[in-house]
Amino acid sequence: MKKLMISFLLLSGIVSNAQRRTGGDIELVPYIGYATSTLSGDYIDDLDYRNSADFGVVADYYFNNRWSLRSGLQFQSMGAENQYFVDKLSYLSIPVNANWHFGSNRKWNLNFGLTPSFLLSADENGQDISSYLNSFQMGLTYGIGYKIEVSKKFSILVDWQGFSGMSDITKKSGTVANAHSVFNVGGVFKL
C-alpha cells in the first residue's frame, strides 16, 4: 500500500508539471468565440448589444513559467443594433498582450495590453458605411482564461476577453468607440 501511495504521488507530480512552460516555449491557439458588442460615446442612446461569432489564432511566447507575450490575428465582428438599424463592423485585430500565468499548475491566465484593429467592412442595414468610419482603431484588451489539460502537447482553453475602444471610429465630430466582449473555446498546441 505504501509503494502504491508513493507511486501515485510521483505520477501526480509528473502529470501536474506536464503543462508548465519555460522560457522559449511557444503555444499556438486557434479559437472560436461567441461575442457581444456595442458602441459608446457621444450621441449614443438606446443601443442593444450585437451578437456575433469571432475566430482567430493567437500564440504565446513564454519568457518563463509565469509570463508570456500573446499576439496573433483575430477576426472580430463589432457594432451595435436597435429596433431601427443594425451596424455590422468587421475588423482584423492584432493583440499585443502581456499574459500572466498563475495557480499551482499555471493553468489560469490573466492578460492585458493594446490591440490595433483594421476595418475590413462596415454596413448598416445592408448599406456600406465604411466611408464614414476610420479604417483603424486602437483598444485596451484584457481577459482571463483557464487551460484544461488533455495531453502534454495539447490543452483546451476556455477564456473571456474584453475590448474597450480608445480611439474614435467615426470621421465626423463627436466620439464613438467600440466595446466588445467574447467567450472563447480553443485548442492549445505546444510547439
N, C-alpha and C. Protein backbone atom coordinates (compact mmCIF):
# COMPACT_ATOMS: atom_id res chain seq x y z
N MET A 1 0.83 -1.20 0.00
CA MET A 1 0.00 0.00 0.00
C MET A 1 0.87 1.25 0.00
N LYS A 2 1.96 1.21 0.79
CA LYS A 2 2.86 2.36 0.87
C LYS A 2 3.50 2.62 -0.50
N LYS A 3 3.91 1.56 -1.21
CA LYS A 3 4.51 1.71 -2.53
C LYS A 3 3.50 2.28 -3.53
N LEU A 4 2.27 1.83 -3.42
CA LEU A 4 1.22 2.33 -4.30
C LEU A 4 0.99 3.83 -4.07
N MET A 5 0.97 4.24 -2.81
CA MET A 5 0.76 5.65 -2.47
C MET A 5 1.93 6.50 -2.98
N ILE A 6 3.15 6.05 -2.81
CA ILE A 6 4.32 6.79 -3.28
C ILE A 6 4.30 6.88 -4.81
N SER A 7 3.96 5.79 -5.48
CA SER A 7 3.86 5.79 -6.94
C SER A 7 2.81 6.79 -7.42
N PHE A 8 1.66 6.81 -6.75
CA PHE A 8 0.60 7.74 -7.11
C PHE A 8 1.05 9.19 -6.95
N LEU A 9 1.71 9.51 -5.85
CA LEU A 9 2.18 10.87 -5.61
C LEU A 9 3.22 11.29 -6.64
N LEU A 10 4.14 10.40 -6.99
CA LEU A 10 5.14 10.72 -8.01
C LEU A 10 4.48 10.95 -9.37
N LEU A 11 3.56 10.08 -9.74
CA LEU A 11 2.85 10.22 -11.00
C LEU A 11 2.04 11.51 -11.04
N SER A 12 1.39 11.85 -9.93
CA SER A 12 0.63 13.10 -9.86
C SER A 12 1.53 14.30 -10.06
N GLY A 13 2.70 14.29 -9.48
CA GLY A 13 3.64 15.39 -9.64
C GLY A 13 4.12 15.53 -11.07
N ILE A 14 4.36 14.40 -11.75
CA ILE A 14 4.79 14.45 -13.14
C ILE A 14 3.68 14.98 -14.03
N VAL A 15 2.46 14.49 -13.85
CA VAL A 15 1.33 14.94 -14.67
C VAL A 15 1.02 16.41 -14.42
N SER A 16 1.06 16.84 -13.16
CA SER A 16 0.71 18.23 -12.87
C SER A 16 1.76 19.19 -13.41
N ASN A 17 3.00 18.75 -13.59
CA ASN A 17 4.03 19.61 -14.14
C ASN A 17 4.13 19.49 -15.65
N ALA A 18 3.39 18.59 -16.27
CA ALA A 18 3.50 18.37 -17.71
C ALA A 18 3.14 19.61 -18.51
N GLN A 19 2.21 20.43 -18.05
CA GLN A 19 1.78 21.60 -18.79
C GLN A 19 2.56 22.86 -18.43
N ARG A 20 3.44 22.81 -17.48
CA ARG A 20 4.22 24.00 -17.15
C ARG A 20 5.12 24.36 -18.31
N ARG A 21 5.25 25.63 -18.55
CA ARG A 21 6.07 26.11 -19.65
C ARG A 21 7.31 26.79 -19.10
N THR A 22 8.33 26.86 -19.93
CA THR A 22 9.57 27.53 -19.56
C THR A 22 9.90 28.55 -20.64
N GLY A 23 10.92 29.37 -20.37
CA GLY A 23 11.33 30.38 -21.32
C GLY A 23 11.63 29.79 -22.69
N GLY A 24 11.09 30.43 -23.73
CA GLY A 24 11.30 29.96 -25.09
C GLY A 24 10.20 29.06 -25.62
N ASP A 25 9.33 28.54 -24.76
CA ASP A 25 8.22 27.70 -25.22
C ASP A 25 7.21 28.55 -25.99
N ILE A 26 6.57 27.93 -26.97
CA ILE A 26 5.55 28.61 -27.78
C ILE A 26 4.30 27.75 -27.81
N GLU A 27 3.15 28.41 -27.63
CA GLU A 27 1.85 27.75 -27.77
C GLU A 27 1.08 28.44 -28.88
N LEU A 28 0.42 27.66 -29.71
CA LEU A 28 -0.43 28.16 -30.78
C LEU A 28 -1.87 27.82 -30.43
N VAL A 29 -2.77 28.83 -30.51
CA VAL A 29 -4.15 28.65 -30.03
C VAL A 29 -5.16 29.12 -31.09
N PRO A 30 -5.66 28.22 -31.95
CA PRO A 30 -6.80 28.58 -32.78
C PRO A 30 -8.07 28.54 -31.91
N TYR A 31 -8.99 29.47 -32.16
CA TYR A 31 -10.18 29.55 -31.30
C TYR A 31 -11.38 30.03 -32.08
N ILE A 32 -12.55 29.84 -31.48
CA ILE A 32 -13.81 30.41 -31.96
C ILE A 32 -14.55 30.91 -30.73
N GLY A 33 -15.32 32.00 -30.90
CA GLY A 33 -15.99 32.56 -29.74
C GLY A 33 -17.34 33.17 -30.04
N TYR A 34 -18.13 33.32 -28.98
CA TYR A 34 -19.43 33.98 -29.03
C TYR A 34 -19.24 35.39 -28.47
N ALA A 35 -19.50 36.41 -29.30
CA ALA A 35 -19.19 37.79 -28.93
C ALA A 35 -20.45 38.64 -28.80
N THR A 36 -20.34 39.65 -27.95
CA THR A 36 -21.34 40.71 -27.86
C THR A 36 -20.60 42.03 -27.96
N SER A 37 -21.22 42.99 -28.63
CA SER A 37 -20.57 44.29 -28.78
C SER A 37 -21.63 45.39 -28.80
N THR A 38 -21.15 46.59 -28.54
CA THR A 38 -22.00 47.78 -28.62
C THR A 38 -21.10 48.97 -28.91
N LEU A 39 -21.70 50.13 -29.03
CA LEU A 39 -20.96 51.36 -29.25
C LEU A 39 -21.16 52.26 -28.04
N SER A 40 -20.15 53.05 -27.74
CA SER A 40 -20.26 54.01 -26.63
C SER A 40 -19.72 55.35 -27.10
N GLY A 41 -20.15 56.41 -26.44
CA GLY A 41 -19.64 57.73 -26.78
C GLY A 41 -20.73 58.77 -26.91
N ASP A 42 -20.38 59.86 -27.60
CA ASP A 42 -21.29 60.99 -27.80
C ASP A 42 -22.50 60.57 -28.64
N TYR A 43 -23.65 61.04 -28.27
CA TYR A 43 -24.90 60.85 -29.02
C TYR A 43 -25.30 59.38 -29.15
N ILE A 44 -24.84 58.55 -28.25
CA ILE A 44 -25.18 57.12 -28.29
C ILE A 44 -26.26 56.86 -27.24
N ASP A 45 -27.46 56.51 -27.70
CA ASP A 45 -28.57 56.21 -26.80
C ASP A 45 -29.31 54.97 -27.28
N ASP A 46 -29.85 54.23 -26.34
CA ASP A 46 -30.78 53.14 -26.63
C ASP A 46 -30.26 52.11 -27.64
N LEU A 47 -29.02 51.70 -27.48
CA LEU A 47 -28.49 50.65 -28.35
C LEU A 47 -28.51 49.32 -27.64
N ASP A 48 -28.79 48.29 -28.39
CA ASP A 48 -28.72 46.92 -27.87
C ASP A 48 -27.39 46.31 -28.28
N TYR A 49 -27.01 45.28 -27.56
CA TYR A 49 -25.80 44.56 -27.91
C TYR A 49 -26.02 43.79 -29.20
N ARG A 50 -24.97 43.72 -30.00
CA ARG A 50 -25.00 42.92 -31.22
C ARG A 50 -24.24 41.62 -30.94
N ASN A 51 -24.85 40.49 -31.23
CA ASN A 51 -24.23 39.18 -31.01
C ASN A 51 -23.63 38.67 -32.31
N SER A 52 -22.47 38.03 -32.20
CA SER A 52 -21.79 37.54 -33.40
C SER A 52 -20.78 36.47 -33.01
N ALA A 53 -20.07 35.98 -34.01
CA ALA A 53 -19.00 35.00 -33.78
C ALA A 53 -17.65 35.64 -34.10
N ASP A 54 -16.65 35.33 -33.30
CA ASP A 54 -15.26 35.73 -33.54
C ASP A 54 -14.43 34.47 -33.75
N PHE A 55 -13.33 34.61 -34.45
CA PHE A 55 -12.39 33.50 -34.57
C PHE A 55 -11.00 34.05 -34.85
N GLY A 56 -10.01 33.21 -34.65
CA GLY A 56 -8.64 33.64 -34.91
C GLY A 56 -7.63 32.64 -34.41
N VAL A 57 -6.38 33.08 -34.46
CA VAL A 57 -5.26 32.29 -33.96
C VAL A 57 -4.35 33.23 -33.19
N VAL A 58 -4.05 32.87 -31.95
CA VAL A 58 -3.08 33.62 -31.16
C VAL A 58 -1.96 32.68 -30.76
N ALA A 59 -0.83 33.27 -30.41
CA ALA A 59 0.32 32.49 -29.96
C ALA A 59 0.85 33.12 -28.68
N ASP A 60 1.34 32.28 -27.80
CA ASP A 60 2.00 32.72 -26.57
C ASP A 60 3.47 32.36 -26.67
N TYR A 61 4.34 33.36 -26.50
CA TYR A 61 5.78 33.12 -26.39
C TYR A 61 6.15 33.30 -24.92
N TYR A 62 6.64 32.25 -24.30
CA TYR A 62 6.92 32.25 -22.86
C TYR A 62 8.30 32.81 -22.56
N PHE A 63 8.34 33.77 -21.62
CA PHE A 63 9.61 34.28 -21.09
C PHE A 63 10.08 33.42 -19.93
N ASN A 64 9.13 32.92 -19.15
CA ASN A 64 9.38 32.00 -18.03
C ASN A 64 8.05 31.29 -17.75
N ASN A 65 7.94 30.58 -16.63
CA ASN A 65 6.71 29.82 -16.39
C ASN A 65 5.53 30.69 -15.94
N ARG A 66 5.74 31.97 -15.73
CA ARG A 66 4.66 32.86 -15.29
C ARG A 66 4.25 33.90 -16.33
N TRP A 67 5.14 34.29 -17.23
CA TRP A 67 4.86 35.38 -18.16
C TRP A 67 5.06 34.96 -19.61
N SER A 68 4.14 35.41 -20.46
CA SER A 68 4.29 35.21 -21.89
C SER A 68 3.77 36.45 -22.62
N LEU A 69 4.15 36.56 -23.88
CA LEU A 69 3.63 37.60 -24.77
C LEU A 69 2.64 36.92 -25.69
N ARG A 70 1.41 37.44 -25.74
CA ARG A 70 0.36 36.87 -26.59
C ARG A 70 0.07 37.82 -27.73
N SER A 71 0.09 37.29 -28.94
CA SER A 71 -0.27 38.06 -30.12
C SER A 71 -0.83 37.11 -31.16
N GLY A 72 -1.38 37.65 -32.22
CA GLY A 72 -1.94 36.81 -33.27
C GLY A 72 -2.81 37.61 -34.21
N LEU A 73 -3.66 36.92 -34.93
CA LEU A 73 -4.62 37.53 -35.84
C LEU A 73 -6.02 37.10 -35.43
N GLN A 74 -6.91 38.09 -35.30
CA GLN A 74 -8.27 37.82 -34.86
C GLN A 74 -9.25 38.51 -35.80
N PHE A 75 -10.29 37.78 -36.20
CA PHE A 75 -11.40 38.38 -36.92
C PHE A 75 -12.46 38.69 -35.88
N GLN A 76 -12.77 39.98 -35.74
CA GLN A 76 -13.74 40.41 -34.73
C GLN A 76 -14.88 41.15 -35.40
N SER A 77 -16.09 40.78 -35.05
CA SER A 77 -17.28 41.42 -35.55
C SER A 77 -17.84 42.32 -34.45
N MET A 78 -17.88 43.62 -34.71
CA MET A 78 -18.32 44.58 -33.69
C MET A 78 -19.54 45.33 -34.21
N GLY A 79 -19.93 46.38 -33.50
CA GLY A 79 -21.08 47.18 -33.87
C GLY A 79 -22.15 47.16 -32.81
N ALA A 80 -23.36 47.51 -33.21
CA ALA A 80 -24.50 47.56 -32.28
C ALA A 80 -25.78 47.50 -33.09
N GLU A 81 -26.89 47.43 -32.39
CA GLU A 81 -28.18 47.43 -33.08
C GLU A 81 -29.26 48.00 -32.16
N ASN A 82 -30.36 48.36 -32.77
CA ASN A 82 -31.59 48.68 -32.05
C ASN A 82 -32.75 48.36 -32.97
N GLN A 83 -33.94 48.85 -32.67
CA GLN A 83 -35.10 48.47 -33.48
C GLN A 83 -35.08 49.08 -34.88
N TYR A 84 -34.21 50.09 -35.12
CA TYR A 84 -34.18 50.78 -36.40
C TYR A 84 -33.01 50.37 -37.30
N PHE A 85 -31.91 49.91 -36.72
CA PHE A 85 -30.75 49.60 -37.54
C PHE A 85 -29.88 48.52 -36.89
N VAL A 86 -29.03 47.94 -37.73
CA VAL A 86 -28.00 47.00 -37.29
C VAL A 86 -26.69 47.44 -37.93
N ASP A 87 -25.71 47.83 -37.10
CA ASP A 87 -24.37 48.17 -37.58
C ASP A 87 -23.49 46.93 -37.45
N LYS A 88 -22.93 46.48 -38.57
CA LYS A 88 -22.02 45.33 -38.58
C LYS A 88 -20.65 45.84 -39.01
N LEU A 89 -19.72 45.83 -38.06
CA LEU A 89 -18.36 46.31 -38.30
C LEU A 89 -17.40 45.14 -38.15
N SER A 90 -16.68 44.82 -39.20
CA SER A 90 -15.74 43.69 -39.18
C SER A 90 -14.31 44.22 -39.13
N TYR A 91 -13.52 43.67 -38.20
CA TYR A 91 -12.14 44.11 -38.00
C TYR A 91 -11.18 42.93 -38.02
N LEU A 92 -9.97 43.20 -38.52
CA LEU A 92 -8.83 42.30 -38.33
C LEU A 92 -8.00 42.92 -37.22
N SER A 93 -7.86 42.20 -36.12
CA SER A 93 -7.19 42.74 -34.92
C SER A 93 -5.91 41.97 -34.64
N ILE A 94 -4.93 42.70 -34.09
CA ILE A 94 -3.63 42.11 -33.74
C ILE A 94 -3.34 42.45 -32.28
N PRO A 95 -3.74 41.58 -31.35
CA PRO A 95 -3.50 41.88 -29.94
C PRO A 95 -2.01 41.79 -29.60
N VAL A 96 -1.58 42.65 -28.70
CA VAL A 96 -0.23 42.59 -28.15
C VAL A 96 -0.41 42.65 -26.63
N ASN A 97 -0.48 41.48 -26.01
CA ASN A 97 -0.84 41.38 -24.60
C ASN A 97 0.25 40.70 -23.78
N ALA A 98 0.46 41.23 -22.58
CA ALA A 98 1.23 40.51 -21.56
C ALA A 98 0.28 39.49 -20.96
N ASN A 99 0.76 38.27 -20.76
CA ASN A 99 -0.09 37.19 -20.27
C ASN A 99 0.56 36.60 -19.02
N TRP A 100 -0.12 36.72 -17.88
CA TRP A 100 0.40 36.22 -16.60
C TRP A 100 -0.28 34.90 -16.28
N HIS A 101 0.51 33.85 -16.12
CA HIS A 101 0.01 32.51 -15.83
C HIS A 101 0.13 32.28 -14.33
N PHE A 102 -0.96 31.83 -13.71
CA PHE A 102 -0.95 31.68 -12.26
C PHE A 102 -1.69 30.42 -11.84
N GLY A 103 -1.67 30.16 -10.55
CA GLY A 103 -2.22 28.93 -10.00
C GLY A 103 -1.10 27.93 -9.81
N SER A 104 -1.36 26.91 -9.03
CA SER A 104 -0.30 25.95 -8.70
C SER A 104 0.26 25.25 -9.94
N ASN A 105 -0.56 25.08 -10.98
CA ASN A 105 -0.09 24.43 -12.21
C ASN A 105 -0.06 25.38 -13.40
N ARG A 106 -0.23 26.68 -13.15
CA ARG A 106 -0.20 27.71 -14.19
C ARG A 106 -1.26 27.49 -15.27
N LYS A 107 -2.39 26.96 -14.87
CA LYS A 107 -3.46 26.72 -15.83
C LYS A 107 -4.33 27.96 -16.04
N TRP A 108 -4.31 28.88 -15.09
CA TRP A 108 -5.05 30.14 -15.20
C TRP A 108 -4.16 31.18 -15.86
N ASN A 109 -4.79 32.15 -16.55
CA ASN A 109 -4.02 33.28 -17.07
C ASN A 109 -4.87 34.54 -17.06
N LEU A 110 -4.19 35.65 -16.81
CA LEU A 110 -4.75 36.99 -16.95
C LEU A 110 -3.92 37.69 -18.01
N ASN A 111 -4.57 38.36 -18.96
CA ASN A 111 -3.81 39.08 -19.97
C ASN A 111 -4.35 40.48 -20.15
N PHE A 112 -3.46 41.36 -20.61
CA PHE A 112 -3.82 42.76 -20.79
C PHE A 112 -2.85 43.38 -21.79
N GLY A 113 -3.32 44.36 -22.52
CA GLY A 113 -2.46 45.03 -23.48
C GLY A 113 -3.25 45.91 -24.43
N LEU A 114 -2.64 46.20 -25.57
CA LEU A 114 -3.25 47.04 -26.59
C LEU A 114 -3.51 46.20 -27.84
N THR A 115 -4.57 46.57 -28.54
CA THR A 115 -4.92 45.85 -29.77
C THR A 115 -5.24 46.85 -30.88
N PRO A 116 -4.36 46.95 -31.88
CA PRO A 116 -4.72 47.71 -33.08
C PRO A 116 -5.65 46.86 -33.95
N SER A 117 -6.64 47.51 -34.55
CA SER A 117 -7.60 46.80 -35.40
C SER A 117 -7.79 47.57 -36.70
N PHE A 118 -7.97 46.83 -37.78
CA PHE A 118 -8.13 47.41 -39.11
C PHE A 118 -9.51 47.04 -39.64
N LEU A 119 -10.26 48.06 -40.06
CA LEU A 119 -11.63 47.87 -40.54
C LEU A 119 -11.61 47.10 -41.86
N LEU A 120 -12.32 45.99 -41.92
CA LEU A 120 -12.43 45.19 -43.14
C LEU A 120 -13.70 45.53 -43.90
N SER A 121 -14.81 45.70 -43.17
CA SER A 121 -16.07 46.06 -43.80
C SER A 121 -16.98 46.68 -42.76
N ALA A 122 -17.95 47.46 -43.25
CA ALA A 122 -18.91 48.11 -42.36
C ALA A 122 -20.22 48.29 -43.11
N ASP A 123 -21.30 47.83 -42.52
CA ASP A 123 -22.59 48.10 -43.14
C ASP A 123 -23.64 48.36 -42.08
N GLU A 124 -24.61 49.16 -42.49
CA GLU A 124 -25.76 49.47 -41.65
C GLU A 124 -26.99 49.11 -42.46
N ASN A 125 -27.75 48.16 -41.98
CA ASN A 125 -28.94 47.67 -42.68
C ASN A 125 -28.64 47.31 -44.14
N GLY A 126 -27.48 46.71 -44.38
CA GLY A 126 -27.11 46.27 -45.72
C GLY A 126 -26.42 47.30 -46.59
N GLN A 127 -26.31 48.55 -46.13
CA GLN A 127 -25.65 49.61 -46.89
C GLN A 127 -24.22 49.81 -46.40
N ASP A 128 -23.28 49.96 -47.33
CA ASP A 128 -21.87 50.16 -46.98
C ASP A 128 -21.70 51.53 -46.32
N ILE A 129 -21.15 51.54 -45.10
CA ILE A 129 -20.91 52.81 -44.39
C ILE A 129 -19.42 53.00 -44.08
N SER A 130 -18.56 52.23 -44.74
CA SER A 130 -17.13 52.30 -44.42
C SER A 130 -16.53 53.67 -44.71
N SER A 131 -17.08 54.44 -45.65
CA SER A 131 -16.53 55.77 -45.95
C SER A 131 -16.75 56.75 -44.79
N TYR A 132 -17.65 56.45 -43.87
CA TYR A 132 -17.92 57.31 -42.71
C TYR A 132 -17.08 56.93 -41.49
N LEU A 133 -16.32 55.85 -41.61
CA LEU A 133 -15.58 55.33 -40.46
C LEU A 133 -14.08 55.37 -40.70
N ASN A 134 -13.33 55.52 -39.61
CA ASN A 134 -11.88 55.43 -39.68
C ASN A 134 -11.48 53.98 -39.95
N SER A 135 -10.44 53.80 -40.72
CA SER A 135 -10.02 52.44 -41.09
C SER A 135 -9.19 51.77 -40.00
N PHE A 136 -8.87 52.51 -38.92
CA PHE A 136 -8.02 51.99 -37.85
C PHE A 136 -8.64 52.35 -36.50
N GLN A 137 -8.54 51.44 -35.56
CA GLN A 137 -8.91 51.73 -34.18
C GLN A 137 -7.89 51.10 -33.24
N MET A 138 -7.76 51.68 -32.06
CA MET A 138 -6.88 51.13 -31.02
C MET A 138 -7.74 50.87 -29.80
N GLY A 139 -7.49 49.74 -29.14
CA GLY A 139 -8.27 49.41 -27.96
C GLY A 139 -7.44 48.78 -26.87
N LEU A 140 -7.95 48.90 -25.66
CA LEU A 140 -7.37 48.24 -24.49
C LEU A 140 -8.02 46.86 -24.40
N THR A 141 -7.20 45.82 -24.31
CA THR A 141 -7.73 44.46 -24.20
C THR A 141 -7.30 43.83 -22.88
N TYR A 142 -8.15 42.93 -22.41
CA TYR A 142 -7.94 42.29 -21.11
C TYR A 142 -8.75 41.01 -21.10
N GLY A 143 -8.31 40.05 -20.31
CA GLY A 143 -9.06 38.80 -20.26
C GLY A 143 -8.55 37.84 -19.22
N ILE A 144 -9.30 36.76 -19.04
CA ILE A 144 -8.94 35.70 -18.12
C ILE A 144 -9.28 34.37 -18.79
N GLY A 145 -8.45 33.36 -18.54
CA GLY A 145 -8.68 32.07 -19.16
C GLY A 145 -8.20 30.92 -18.29
N TYR A 146 -8.62 29.73 -18.68
CA TYR A 146 -8.24 28.50 -17.97
C TYR A 146 -7.97 27.41 -19.00
N LYS A 147 -6.85 26.69 -18.83
CA LYS A 147 -6.49 25.60 -19.72
C LYS A 147 -6.85 24.26 -19.08
N ILE A 148 -7.53 23.42 -19.85
CA ILE A 148 -7.86 22.06 -19.42
C ILE A 148 -6.90 21.12 -20.15
N GLU A 149 -6.03 20.49 -19.39
CA GLU A 149 -5.00 19.65 -19.98
C GLU A 149 -5.60 18.36 -20.54
N VAL A 150 -5.27 18.07 -21.79
CA VAL A 150 -5.68 16.82 -22.43
C VAL A 150 -4.47 15.90 -22.56
N SER A 151 -3.33 16.47 -22.97
CA SER A 151 -2.07 15.72 -23.05
C SER A 151 -0.92 16.70 -22.82
N LYS A 152 0.29 16.20 -22.89
CA LYS A 152 1.46 17.05 -22.66
C LYS A 152 1.57 18.16 -23.71
N LYS A 153 1.10 17.89 -24.92
CA LYS A 153 1.24 18.85 -26.02
C LYS A 153 -0.08 19.52 -26.41
N PHE A 154 -1.19 19.18 -25.75
CA PHE A 154 -2.48 19.75 -26.15
C PHE A 154 -3.36 20.01 -24.93
N SER A 155 -3.99 21.20 -24.94
CA SER A 155 -4.97 21.58 -23.91
C SER A 155 -6.15 22.25 -24.59
N ILE A 156 -7.22 22.40 -23.85
CA ILE A 156 -8.38 23.16 -24.30
C ILE A 156 -8.42 24.44 -23.47
N LEU A 157 -8.50 25.57 -24.15
CA LEU A 157 -8.56 26.87 -23.47
C LEU A 157 -9.99 27.37 -23.48
N VAL A 158 -10.47 27.78 -22.32
CA VAL A 158 -11.75 28.45 -22.17
C VAL A 158 -11.41 29.82 -21.60
N ASP A 159 -11.80 30.89 -22.32
CA ASP A 159 -11.46 32.21 -21.81
C ASP A 159 -12.50 33.26 -22.19
N TRP A 160 -12.39 34.38 -21.51
CA TRP A 160 -13.21 35.56 -21.78
C TRP A 160 -12.25 36.71 -22.07
N GLN A 161 -12.54 37.47 -23.12
CA GLN A 161 -11.72 38.61 -23.50
C GLN A 161 -12.60 39.84 -23.65
N GLY A 162 -12.07 40.97 -23.22
CA GLY A 162 -12.77 42.24 -23.37
C GLY A 162 -11.96 43.21 -24.21
N PHE A 163 -12.64 44.13 -24.88
CA PHE A 163 -12.02 45.16 -25.71
C PHE A 163 -12.74 46.46 -25.42
N SER A 164 -11.99 47.49 -25.05
CA SER A 164 -12.54 48.84 -24.85
C SER A 164 -11.85 49.77 -25.83
N GLY A 165 -12.61 50.27 -26.79
CA GLY A 165 -12.04 51.16 -27.79
C GLY A 165 -11.50 52.44 -27.18
N MET A 166 -10.30 52.82 -27.59
CA MET A 166 -9.65 54.04 -27.10
C MET A 166 -9.64 55.13 -28.16
N SER A 167 -9.99 54.80 -29.39
CA SER A 167 -9.95 55.77 -30.47
C SER A 167 -11.34 55.90 -31.10
N ASP A 168 -11.58 57.04 -31.70
CA ASP A 168 -12.85 57.33 -32.35
C ASP A 168 -12.95 56.53 -33.64
N ILE A 169 -14.05 55.82 -33.84
CA ILE A 169 -14.19 55.05 -35.07
C ILE A 169 -14.86 55.85 -36.19
N THR A 170 -15.45 57.01 -35.88
CA THR A 170 -16.15 57.79 -36.90
C THR A 170 -15.27 58.94 -37.40
N LYS A 171 -15.55 59.39 -38.62
CA LYS A 171 -14.84 60.52 -39.19
C LYS A 171 -15.52 61.85 -38.87
N LYS A 172 -16.76 61.80 -38.38
CA LYS A 172 -17.48 63.03 -38.08
C LYS A 172 -17.18 63.50 -36.66
N SER A 173 -17.71 64.67 -36.29
CA SER A 173 -17.47 65.21 -34.95
C SER A 173 -18.15 64.33 -33.90
N GLY A 174 -17.64 64.39 -32.70
CA GLY A 174 -18.13 63.52 -31.63
C GLY A 174 -17.21 62.31 -31.53
N THR A 175 -17.38 61.58 -30.47
CA THR A 175 -16.53 60.40 -30.25
C THR A 175 -17.41 59.17 -30.11
N VAL A 176 -17.09 58.15 -30.89
CA VAL A 176 -17.78 56.87 -30.81
C VAL A 176 -16.71 55.78 -30.79
N ALA A 177 -16.84 54.85 -29.86
CA ALA A 177 -15.86 53.76 -29.73
C ALA A 177 -16.59 52.43 -29.58
N ASN A 178 -15.89 51.38 -29.97
CA ASN A 178 -16.43 50.02 -29.82
C ASN A 178 -16.20 49.50 -28.41
N ALA A 179 -17.13 48.71 -27.92
CA ALA A 179 -16.97 47.93 -26.69
C ALA A 179 -17.36 46.51 -27.06
N HIS A 180 -16.51 45.55 -26.68
CA HIS A 180 -16.65 44.19 -27.21
C HIS A 180 -16.22 43.19 -26.15
N SER A 181 -16.95 42.11 -26.01
CA SER A 181 -16.52 41.02 -25.14
C SER A 181 -16.84 39.70 -25.84
N VAL A 182 -16.01 38.70 -25.55
CA VAL A 182 -16.16 37.42 -26.24
C VAL A 182 -15.79 36.27 -25.31
N PHE A 183 -16.58 35.21 -25.37
CA PHE A 183 -16.31 33.98 -24.65
C PHE A 183 -15.78 32.98 -25.68
N ASN A 184 -14.52 32.53 -25.50
CA ASN A 184 -13.83 31.69 -26.48
C ASN A 184 -13.59 30.27 -25.99
N VAL A 185 -13.50 29.36 -26.95
CA VAL A 185 -13.02 28.00 -26.72
C VAL A 185 -11.99 27.72 -27.81
N GLY A 186 -10.83 27.24 -27.39
CA GLY A 186 -9.78 26.99 -28.37
C GLY A 186 -8.91 25.81 -28.00
N GLY A 187 -8.14 25.36 -28.98
CA GLY A 187 -7.18 24.30 -28.76
C GLY A 187 -5.80 24.88 -28.57
N VAL A 188 -5.08 24.45 -27.54
CA VAL A 188 -3.74 24.95 -27.23
C VAL A 188 -2.73 23.88 -27.65
N PHE A 189 -1.90 24.22 -28.65
CA PHE A 189 -0.89 23.29 -29.15
C PHE A 189 0.48 23.79 -28.73
N LYS A 190 1.22 22.99 -27.97
CA LYS A 190 2.59 23.35 -27.61
C LYS A 190 3.49 22.95 -28.78
N LEU A 191 4.22 23.93 -29.32
CA LEU A 191 5.11 23.66 -30.44
C LEU A 191 6.46 23.17 -29.96
